[in-house]
N, C-alpha and C. Protein backbone atom coordinates (compact mmCIF):
# COMPACT_ATOMS: atom_id res chain seq x y z
N MET A 1 149.99 83.14 153.01
CA MET A 1 148.93 83.58 151.70
C MET A 1 149.67 82.32 150.64
N LEU A 2 148.41 82.35 149.75
CA LEU A 2 148.69 81.57 148.59
C LEU A 2 149.65 81.56 147.49
N LYS A 3 149.99 81.25 146.97
CA LYS A 3 151.04 81.03 146.25
C LYS A 3 150.90 80.21 145.13
N PHE A 4 151.26 80.97 144.00
CA PHE A 4 150.58 81.00 142.01
C PHE A 4 152.61 79.82 141.82
N GLY A 5 151.98 78.36 141.49
CA GLY A 5 152.63 77.32 141.15
C GLY A 5 153.01 77.72 139.72
N ASP A 6 154.06 76.64 139.49
CA ASP A 6 155.23 76.72 138.60
C ASP A 6 154.62 76.33 137.00
N TYR A 7 154.06 75.99 136.83
CA TYR A 7 153.36 75.19 135.75
C TYR A 7 151.39 76.20 135.67
N VAL A 8 151.29 76.02 134.78
CA VAL A 8 150.35 76.39 133.86
C VAL A 8 149.31 75.41 132.67
N VAL A 9 148.19 74.95 133.31
CA VAL A 9 147.19 73.55 132.81
C VAL A 9 146.12 74.08 130.55
N PHE A 10 146.97 73.95 130.60
CA PHE A 10 146.24 74.24 129.51
C PHE A 10 145.09 73.01 128.76
N VAL A 11 144.28 72.73 128.39
CA VAL A 11 143.14 70.97 128.02
C VAL A 11 141.51 72.20 127.14
N ASP A 12 142.15 71.15 126.70
CA ASP A 12 141.39 71.16 124.88
C ASP A 12 140.96 69.18 124.40
N GLU A 13 139.80 69.72 123.80
CA GLU A 13 139.37 68.35 123.08
C GLU A 13 139.54 67.85 121.70
N SER A 14 139.73 66.15 122.09
CA SER A 14 139.21 66.66 120.23
C SER A 14 137.98 65.38 119.67
N GLY A 15 138.08 65.93 118.88
CA GLY A 15 136.92 64.93 118.85
C GLY A 15 135.22 65.39 119.59
N ASP A 16 134.75 65.03 118.59
CA ASP A 16 132.75 65.14 119.63
C ASP A 16 132.42 64.58 121.32
N HIS A 17 131.35 64.83 121.95
CA HIS A 17 132.01 64.41 122.99
C HIS A 17 129.92 63.67 123.06
N SER A 18 129.35 63.75 121.89
CA SER A 18 128.15 62.65 121.78
C SER A 18 128.62 61.64 121.29
N VAL A 19 127.62 60.95 122.52
CA VAL A 19 128.07 59.50 122.40
C VAL A 19 126.68 58.21 121.76
N THR A 20 125.44 59.84 120.94
CA THR A 20 124.39 59.40 120.28
C THR A 20 124.97 59.37 118.82
N SER A 21 125.35 60.11 118.37
CA SER A 21 126.00 60.20 116.94
C SER A 21 127.57 60.58 116.77
N ILE A 22 127.68 58.79 116.62
CA ILE A 22 129.37 58.46 116.91
C ILE A 22 130.17 58.22 115.46
N ASN A 23 131.34 59.06 115.29
CA ASN A 23 132.03 59.50 114.03
C ASN A 23 132.21 58.42 113.49
N ALA A 24 132.56 57.58 112.93
CA ALA A 24 132.87 56.01 112.28
C ALA A 24 134.54 56.71 111.93
N GLU A 25 135.19 57.97 111.42
CA GLU A 25 135.93 57.65 111.01
C GLU A 25 137.07 58.56 112.49
N TYR A 26 136.05 59.33 113.32
CA TYR A 26 136.34 59.27 114.62
C TYR A 26 135.86 58.76 115.87
N PRO A 27 136.01 58.16 116.56
CA PRO A 27 134.94 57.52 117.28
C PRO A 27 136.07 57.35 118.35
N VAL A 28 136.28 58.40 118.98
CA VAL A 28 136.95 59.22 120.58
C VAL A 28 136.51 60.36 121.00
N PHE A 29 136.78 60.61 121.67
CA PHE A 29 136.33 62.04 122.62
C PHE A 29 137.90 62.06 122.86
N VAL A 30 139.12 62.96 123.09
CA VAL A 30 140.16 63.21 123.65
C VAL A 30 140.39 64.00 124.59
N LEU A 31 140.15 64.68 125.71
CA LEU A 31 140.52 65.37 126.58
C LEU A 31 142.36 65.84 126.46
N GLY A 32 142.96 66.50 125.66
CA GLY A 32 144.20 66.69 126.29
C GLY A 32 144.80 67.71 127.61
N PHE A 33 145.51 68.01 128.10
CA PHE A 33 145.64 68.29 129.23
C PHE A 33 147.39 68.94 128.69
N CYS A 34 147.73 69.82 128.07
CA CYS A 34 149.56 70.21 127.96
C CYS A 34 150.08 71.39 129.72
N VAL A 35 150.80 70.63 129.82
CA VAL A 35 151.05 71.34 131.17
C VAL A 35 152.93 71.98 130.41
N PHE A 36 152.16 73.42 130.71
CA PHE A 36 153.47 73.95 130.10
C PHE A 36 154.97 74.56 131.91
N GLU A 37 156.08 75.43 132.10
CA GLU A 37 156.36 75.47 133.40
C GLU A 37 156.46 76.68 132.74
N LYS A 38 155.78 77.82 133.27
CA LYS A 38 155.06 79.31 133.40
C LYS A 38 156.82 80.16 133.31
N GLU A 39 157.91 79.86 133.70
CA GLU A 39 159.38 80.74 133.38
C GLU A 39 159.54 80.04 131.11
N ARG A 40 159.43 79.42 131.51
CA ARG A 40 159.94 78.47 130.15
C ARG A 40 158.96 79.01 129.34
N TYR A 41 157.12 78.71 129.40
CA TYR A 41 156.32 79.39 129.00
C TYR A 41 156.26 80.97 127.84
N ALA A 42 157.01 81.50 128.87
CA ALA A 42 156.81 82.93 128.42
C ALA A 42 158.26 83.49 128.64
N ALA A 43 159.05 82.62 128.18
CA ALA A 43 160.44 83.47 127.58
C ALA A 43 160.12 82.86 126.08
N SER A 44 159.46 81.41 126.14
CA SER A 44 160.35 81.21 124.39
C SER A 44 159.15 80.08 123.72
N VAL A 45 158.01 79.85 124.29
CA VAL A 45 156.19 79.49 123.78
C VAL A 45 156.35 80.83 123.05
N LEU A 46 155.30 81.81 124.53
CA LEU A 46 154.56 82.86 123.64
C LEU A 46 155.95 83.45 122.87
N PRO A 47 157.09 83.99 122.99
CA PRO A 47 157.94 84.53 121.99
C PRO A 47 158.02 83.91 120.17
N ALA A 48 157.88 82.52 120.49
CA ALA A 48 157.89 81.48 119.68
C ALA A 48 156.40 81.21 118.54
N VAL A 49 155.17 81.59 118.81
CA VAL A 49 154.05 81.99 119.03
C VAL A 49 154.19 82.88 117.78
N THR A 50 154.36 84.71 118.58
CA THR A 50 154.39 85.16 117.88
C THR A 50 155.02 85.66 116.80
N ARG A 51 156.05 85.44 116.99
CA ARG A 51 156.63 84.81 115.10
C ARG A 51 156.41 84.53 114.44
N ILE A 52 155.33 83.63 114.87
CA ILE A 52 155.32 82.62 113.41
C ILE A 52 153.05 83.11 112.83
N LYS A 53 152.40 84.28 113.97
CA LYS A 53 152.18 84.67 113.61
C LYS A 53 152.30 86.70 112.86
N PHE A 54 152.80 86.88 113.07
CA PHE A 54 154.18 87.50 112.20
C PHE A 54 154.38 87.21 111.52
N ARG A 55 155.01 86.27 111.19
CA ARG A 55 155.36 85.43 109.63
C ARG A 55 154.43 85.83 109.05
N HIS A 56 153.04 85.38 108.51
CA HIS A 56 152.80 84.47 108.34
C HIS A 56 151.01 85.65 107.88
N PHE A 57 150.98 85.92 108.77
CA PHE A 57 149.56 86.91 108.83
C PHE A 57 150.06 88.69 109.78
N GLY A 58 150.73 89.18 108.93
CA GLY A 58 150.85 90.43 110.49
C GLY A 58 150.99 90.91 110.85
N HIS A 59 150.35 89.74 111.90
CA HIS A 59 150.28 90.43 113.37
C HIS A 59 150.11 89.54 114.06
N ASP A 60 149.63 89.42 115.29
CA ASP A 60 149.58 88.21 115.96
C ASP A 60 148.54 88.05 116.75
N ALA A 61 147.09 88.77 116.49
CA ALA A 61 145.08 88.60 116.41
C ALA A 61 145.15 87.24 116.43
N VAL A 62 146.23 87.11 115.03
CA VAL A 62 145.04 85.32 115.01
C VAL A 62 145.20 84.41 115.73
N VAL A 63 143.93 83.45 116.09
CA VAL A 63 143.40 82.95 117.37
C VAL A 63 143.97 81.54 116.23
N LEU A 64 144.97 80.72 116.90
CA LEU A 64 145.42 79.48 115.92
C LEU A 64 144.23 78.03 115.81
N HIS A 65 143.40 78.73 115.52
CA HIS A 65 142.09 77.68 115.84
C HIS A 65 142.88 75.74 115.45
N GLU A 66 142.31 74.76 115.85
CA GLU A 66 142.91 73.73 114.85
C GLU A 66 141.81 73.83 113.73
N HIS A 67 140.48 73.90 113.62
CA HIS A 67 139.21 74.02 113.08
C HIS A 67 139.72 74.86 111.52
N ASP A 68 140.09 75.91 111.76
CA ASP A 68 139.97 77.04 111.03
C ASP A 68 141.46 76.81 110.49
N ILE A 69 142.19 76.41 111.24
CA ILE A 69 143.57 75.69 110.59
C ILE A 69 142.92 74.40 109.04
N ARG A 70 142.79 73.29 109.20
CA ARG A 70 142.19 72.76 108.33
C ARG A 70 141.07 72.47 107.47
N LYS A 71 140.19 74.07 108.01
CA LYS A 71 139.60 73.99 107.32
C LYS A 71 139.45 75.23 106.05
N GLN A 72 141.22 76.38 106.18
CA GLN A 72 141.51 76.67 105.81
C GLN A 72 140.05 78.66 105.36
N ALA A 73 139.75 78.63 107.12
CA ALA A 73 139.11 79.32 106.50
C ALA A 73 139.27 80.55 107.86
N GLY A 74 138.35 81.89 107.82
CA GLY A 74 139.09 83.21 108.27
C GLY A 74 140.67 82.56 107.72
N ALA A 75 140.82 83.88 108.41
CA ALA A 75 142.79 84.34 108.97
C ALA A 75 143.25 83.05 107.52
N PHE A 76 142.68 82.02 107.98
CA PHE A 76 143.72 80.90 107.20
C PHE A 76 143.45 80.52 105.87
N ALA A 77 142.28 81.10 105.17
CA ALA A 77 142.34 81.59 104.13
C ALA A 77 143.65 81.13 103.06
N ILE A 78 144.99 82.15 103.27
CA ILE A 78 145.83 82.01 103.09
C ILE A 78 145.82 80.75 102.95
N LEU A 79 146.10 79.89 103.33
CA LEU A 79 146.36 78.10 103.32
C LEU A 79 146.23 77.66 102.36
N THR A 80 145.06 78.20 101.22
CA THR A 80 144.75 77.33 99.98
C THR A 80 145.69 77.49 99.24
N ASP A 81 146.78 78.55 99.30
CA ASP A 81 148.58 77.78 97.78
C ASP A 81 148.90 76.95 99.51
N ARG A 82 149.32 75.90 98.62
CA ARG A 82 150.39 74.75 98.70
C ARG A 82 151.69 75.95 99.69
N ALA A 83 152.30 75.85 98.76
CA ALA A 83 153.58 76.68 99.79
C ALA A 83 153.19 77.62 100.84
N VAL A 84 152.32 78.39 101.54
CA VAL A 84 152.22 78.45 102.19
C VAL A 84 151.70 78.14 103.61
N ARG A 85 150.66 77.17 103.02
CA ARG A 85 150.48 76.46 103.81
C ARG A 85 151.43 75.35 103.94
N ALA A 86 152.33 74.41 103.03
CA ALA A 86 153.46 74.17 103.38
C ALA A 86 154.31 74.63 104.88
N ARG A 87 154.97 75.30 104.31
CA ARG A 87 155.35 77.52 105.10
C ARG A 87 155.14 77.07 106.55
N PHE A 88 153.69 77.63 106.79
CA PHE A 88 153.06 77.34 108.24
C PHE A 88 152.96 76.42 108.62
N LEU A 89 152.82 75.39 108.00
CA LEU A 89 152.77 74.42 109.06
C LEU A 89 153.81 73.68 109.65
N ASP A 90 155.06 73.17 108.31
CA ASP A 90 156.70 73.61 109.04
C ASP A 90 156.78 74.16 109.78
N ASP A 91 156.71 75.58 109.99
CA ASP A 91 156.10 76.48 111.44
C ASP A 91 155.84 75.59 112.35
N LEU A 92 154.69 75.70 112.28
CA LEU A 92 153.57 74.58 113.21
C LEU A 92 154.81 73.11 113.90
N ASN A 93 155.41 72.36 112.90
CA ASN A 93 155.74 72.04 113.38
C ASN A 93 156.83 71.86 114.39
N ASP A 94 158.11 72.32 114.09
CA ASP A 94 159.15 72.65 114.60
C ASP A 94 159.07 73.53 115.90
N LEU A 95 157.51 73.84 115.55
CA LEU A 95 157.70 74.81 117.18
C LEU A 95 156.92 73.60 118.52
N MET A 96 155.75 72.62 117.79
CA MET A 96 156.33 71.39 118.40
C MET A 96 157.05 70.45 118.90
N THR A 97 157.92 70.01 117.52
CA THR A 97 159.13 69.54 118.19
C THR A 97 159.85 70.40 118.41
N GLU A 98 160.11 71.26 119.53
CA GLU A 98 161.53 72.14 120.45
C GLU A 98 161.19 72.70 121.35
N THR A 99 159.74 72.21 121.58
CA THR A 99 159.26 73.00 122.85
C THR A 99 159.15 71.71 123.77
N GLU A 100 159.53 72.32 125.04
CA GLU A 100 158.96 71.07 125.91
C GLU A 100 157.72 71.69 126.54
N PHE A 101 157.34 70.29 126.93
CA PHE A 101 155.81 71.11 127.58
C PHE A 101 155.37 69.17 128.23
N THR A 102 154.40 69.39 128.77
CA THR A 102 153.87 67.59 129.43
C THR A 102 152.63 67.91 128.31
N LEU A 103 152.70 66.18 127.80
CA LEU A 103 151.01 66.46 127.43
C LEU A 103 150.42 65.27 128.34
N ILE A 104 148.81 65.11 129.18
CA ILE A 104 148.73 64.00 129.63
C ILE A 104 147.46 64.43 128.62
N ALA A 105 147.34 63.20 128.29
CA ALA A 105 144.93 63.06 127.91
C ALA A 105 144.66 61.52 128.55
N CYS A 106 143.19 61.86 128.67
CA CYS A 106 142.46 60.82 128.33
C CYS A 106 141.38 60.33 126.78
N ALA A 107 141.17 59.41 126.59
CA ALA A 107 140.76 59.12 126.03
C ALA A 107 139.68 58.31 125.74
N ILE A 108 138.66 58.69 125.66
CA ILE A 108 137.60 57.35 125.74
C ILE A 108 137.30 56.58 124.32
N ARG A 109 136.82 55.81 123.96
CA ARG A 109 136.54 55.16 122.56
C ARG A 109 135.19 54.62 123.30
N LYS A 110 133.81 55.42 122.37
CA LYS A 110 132.44 55.78 122.80
C LYS A 110 132.12 54.48 122.25
N ARG A 111 132.96 53.73 121.72
CA ARG A 111 131.36 52.58 121.08
C ARG A 111 131.70 51.83 122.04
N LYS A 112 133.25 51.29 123.27
CA LYS A 112 133.70 50.35 123.90
C LYS A 112 132.72 51.13 125.15
N PHE A 113 132.72 53.02 125.38
CA PHE A 113 132.32 53.12 126.61
C PHE A 113 130.54 53.34 126.45
N LEU A 114 130.02 53.13 125.69
CA LEU A 114 128.75 52.64 125.51
C LEU A 114 128.12 50.80 126.06
N THR A 115 129.15 50.74 125.96
CA THR A 115 129.08 48.55 125.82
C THR A 115 129.37 48.20 127.32
N ARG A 116 129.92 49.37 127.83
CA ARG A 116 130.95 48.50 129.29
C ARG A 116 129.74 49.44 130.68
N CYS A 117 128.75 50.60 130.47
CA CYS A 117 128.28 51.18 130.87
C CYS A 117 126.37 51.37 130.68
N ALA A 118 126.30 50.27 132.20
CA ALA A 118 124.60 50.62 130.93
C ALA A 118 123.57 52.67 131.17
N ASN A 119 124.15 52.86 132.71
CA ASN A 119 123.66 54.51 132.12
C ASN A 119 124.73 54.71 132.56
N PRO A 120 125.85 55.16 131.11
CA PRO A 120 126.86 56.23 130.45
C PRO A 120 127.32 58.46 130.94
N GLU A 121 127.96 58.60 131.65
CA GLU A 121 128.26 60.38 132.66
C GLU A 121 128.75 60.25 131.07
N HIS A 122 128.35 61.57 130.95
CA HIS A 122 128.82 62.46 130.26
C HIS A 122 131.09 62.09 129.83
N PRO A 123 130.88 61.88 128.78
CA PRO A 123 132.65 60.71 127.92
C PRO A 123 132.53 63.20 128.16
N ASN A 124 132.49 64.31 127.70
CA ASN A 124 133.57 64.86 129.12
C ASN A 124 133.39 65.35 130.11
N HIS A 125 132.70 65.17 130.91
CA HIS A 125 132.81 65.03 131.89
C HIS A 125 133.66 63.52 132.83
N LEU A 126 133.92 62.62 132.48
CA LEU A 126 133.78 61.49 132.68
C LEU A 126 135.68 61.72 132.12
N ALA A 127 135.72 61.57 130.95
CA ALA A 127 137.12 62.89 131.02
C ALA A 127 137.98 63.86 131.91
N MET A 128 137.08 64.95 131.81
CA MET A 128 137.35 65.30 133.14
C MET A 128 137.84 65.62 134.50
N GLU A 129 137.67 64.26 134.92
CA GLU A 129 137.81 63.73 135.91
C GLU A 129 138.52 62.57 135.88
N PHE A 130 138.99 62.26 134.52
CA PHE A 130 140.64 60.98 134.86
C PHE A 130 141.15 62.16 134.42
N GLY A 131 141.76 62.85 134.41
CA GLY A 131 141.89 64.13 133.01
C GLY A 131 143.13 65.31 134.68
N LEU A 132 141.86 65.00 135.06
CA LEU A 132 142.43 66.60 136.09
C LEU A 132 143.53 65.10 137.58
N GLU A 133 142.65 63.61 137.27
CA GLU A 133 143.91 63.62 138.65
C GLU A 133 145.20 63.39 138.18
N ARG A 134 145.28 63.20 136.75
CA ARG A 134 146.51 62.99 136.76
C ARG A 134 147.48 63.73 136.49
N PRO A 135 147.15 65.30 135.98
CA PRO A 135 147.69 66.26 136.02
C PRO A 135 147.99 66.41 137.92
N GLY A 136 147.07 66.32 138.27
CA GLY A 136 147.89 66.58 140.04
C GLY A 136 148.03 65.77 140.35
N ARG A 137 148.50 65.09 140.42
CA ARG A 137 149.59 64.18 140.69
C ARG A 137 150.49 64.39 140.14
N TRP A 138 150.59 64.46 138.62
CA TRP A 138 152.24 65.27 139.27
C TRP A 138 152.64 66.60 139.29
N LEU A 139 151.64 67.25 139.87
CA LEU A 139 151.87 68.53 140.02
C LEU A 139 152.51 68.08 141.58
N ASP A 140 151.61 67.24 141.82
CA ASP A 140 152.05 67.01 143.27
C ASP A 140 153.41 66.82 143.56
N GLU A 141 154.31 65.58 141.97
CA GLU A 141 155.13 64.64 142.07
C GLU A 141 156.31 66.22 141.96
N ARG A 142 155.98 67.17 141.92
CA ARG A 142 156.95 68.49 141.65
C ARG A 142 156.58 69.64 142.72
N GLY A 143 156.13 69.40 143.58
CA GLY A 143 155.99 69.95 144.68
C GLY A 143 155.33 71.32 145.08
N GLN A 144 154.27 70.90 143.88
CA GLN A 144 152.94 71.76 143.60
C GLN A 144 151.81 71.78 144.90
N ARG A 145 151.65 70.82 145.28
CA ARG A 145 150.43 70.43 145.85
C ARG A 145 149.95 71.85 146.63
N GLU A 146 151.24 72.70 147.68
CA GLU A 146 150.67 74.13 148.52
C GLU A 146 149.85 74.90 147.64
N ARG A 147 150.22 75.39 146.35
CA ARG A 147 150.40 76.41 145.28
C ARG A 147 149.91 76.17 143.85
N LEU A 148 149.09 77.70 143.97
CA LEU A 148 147.47 77.57 142.75
C LEU A 148 147.78 77.29 141.72
N THR A 149 147.69 76.41 140.82
CA THR A 149 147.67 76.21 139.27
C THR A 149 146.23 76.64 138.73
N HIS A 150 146.81 77.30 137.63
CA HIS A 150 145.57 77.77 136.51
C HIS A 150 145.56 76.87 135.68
N VAL A 151 143.87 76.57 135.54
CA VAL A 151 144.12 75.35 134.45
C VAL A 151 142.58 76.11 133.08
N VAL A 152 143.34 76.37 132.32
CA VAL A 152 142.85 77.17 130.88
C VAL A 152 141.88 75.80 130.43
N CYS A 153 140.67 76.45 130.19
CA CYS A 153 139.81 75.26 129.23
C CYS A 153 139.57 76.14 127.89
N GLU A 154 140.18 75.50 126.74
CA GLU A 154 139.16 76.37 125.52
C GLU A 154 137.63 76.29 125.62
N GLN A 155 137.38 77.66 125.12
CA GLN A 155 136.01 77.57 124.78
C GLN A 155 135.36 77.27 123.87
N ARG A 156 133.95 76.39 123.37
CA ARG A 156 133.66 76.09 122.69
C ARG A 156 131.83 77.30 123.20
N GLY A 157 131.00 76.26 123.46
CA GLY A 157 130.19 77.27 122.96
C GLY A 157 129.67 77.67 124.14
N LEU A 158 128.15 78.16 125.11
CA LEU A 158 127.92 79.17 125.99
C LEU A 158 127.48 77.51 126.79
N ARG A 159 127.06 77.19 125.95
CA ARG A 159 126.35 75.42 127.03
C ARG A 159 127.43 73.98 126.64
N GLU A 160 128.38 74.25 126.00
CA GLU A 160 129.11 72.92 126.79
C GLU A 160 130.46 73.84 128.16
N ASP A 161 130.11 75.39 127.59
CA ASP A 161 131.20 75.41 128.68
C ASP A 161 130.68 75.57 129.78
N ARG A 162 129.46 76.02 130.14
CA ARG A 162 128.80 76.12 130.82
C ARG A 162 128.68 74.41 132.49
N ASP A 163 128.73 73.28 130.44
CA ASP A 163 128.15 72.00 131.34
C ASP A 163 130.22 71.02 132.15
N LEU A 164 131.55 72.06 131.47
CA LEU A 164 132.52 71.65 130.72
C LEU A 164 132.44 72.45 132.73
N GLU A 165 132.68 73.80 133.11
CA GLU A 165 133.54 73.66 134.35
C GLU A 165 131.95 73.02 135.58
N LEU A 166 131.62 72.52 135.03
CA LEU A 166 130.28 71.85 136.07
C LEU A 166 130.71 71.41 136.93
N ALA A 167 131.40 70.01 135.74
CA ALA A 167 132.24 68.71 135.63
C ALA A 167 133.83 68.87 136.53
N PHE A 168 134.09 70.52 135.87
CA PHE A 168 135.30 70.71 136.29
C PHE A 168 135.05 71.06 138.38
N ARG A 169 134.60 71.85 138.67
CA ARG A 169 134.02 71.60 139.62
C ARG A 169 133.55 70.78 140.24
N ARG A 170 132.94 69.80 140.29
CA ARG A 170 132.74 68.72 141.17
C ARG A 170 133.76 68.10 140.90
N VAL A 171 134.93 67.83 139.78
CA VAL A 171 135.96 67.28 140.35
C VAL A 171 136.99 67.77 141.14
């Protein structure tokens, strides 16, 4: 019988994966893998996030999406008020400081990537391949090899999600 693992892995990207149009201010693509022990995640992280949502939005249905927070869009329009923004960001910073998790990241400097590869693979696919190896080893070291560990990737767009799923399944 298959046993569930003791950890859950959340995957999200930073930057865009395009190598045809490289943003000079952020010329990297990063795929981050946040590994949480499930018991700790359920006991402390989820309640802490819920408290932050209730404190700032009055409900817990809001999704903490970095782009919306940074652009002060949608529910995050409240952050145009400096005092509100400061309290919200302080709460998020405190959460990150107090939360125990392991971060494993794969970063690709896109210009250097292009100079090293005659036929460059899609950065997202390469980052997924290299990125999954590291959490896999990390989990093996903790006796999780024969257990099912769920890997949760943030949704982006239909095509991007399909491409990423194919890269994930290839690995």
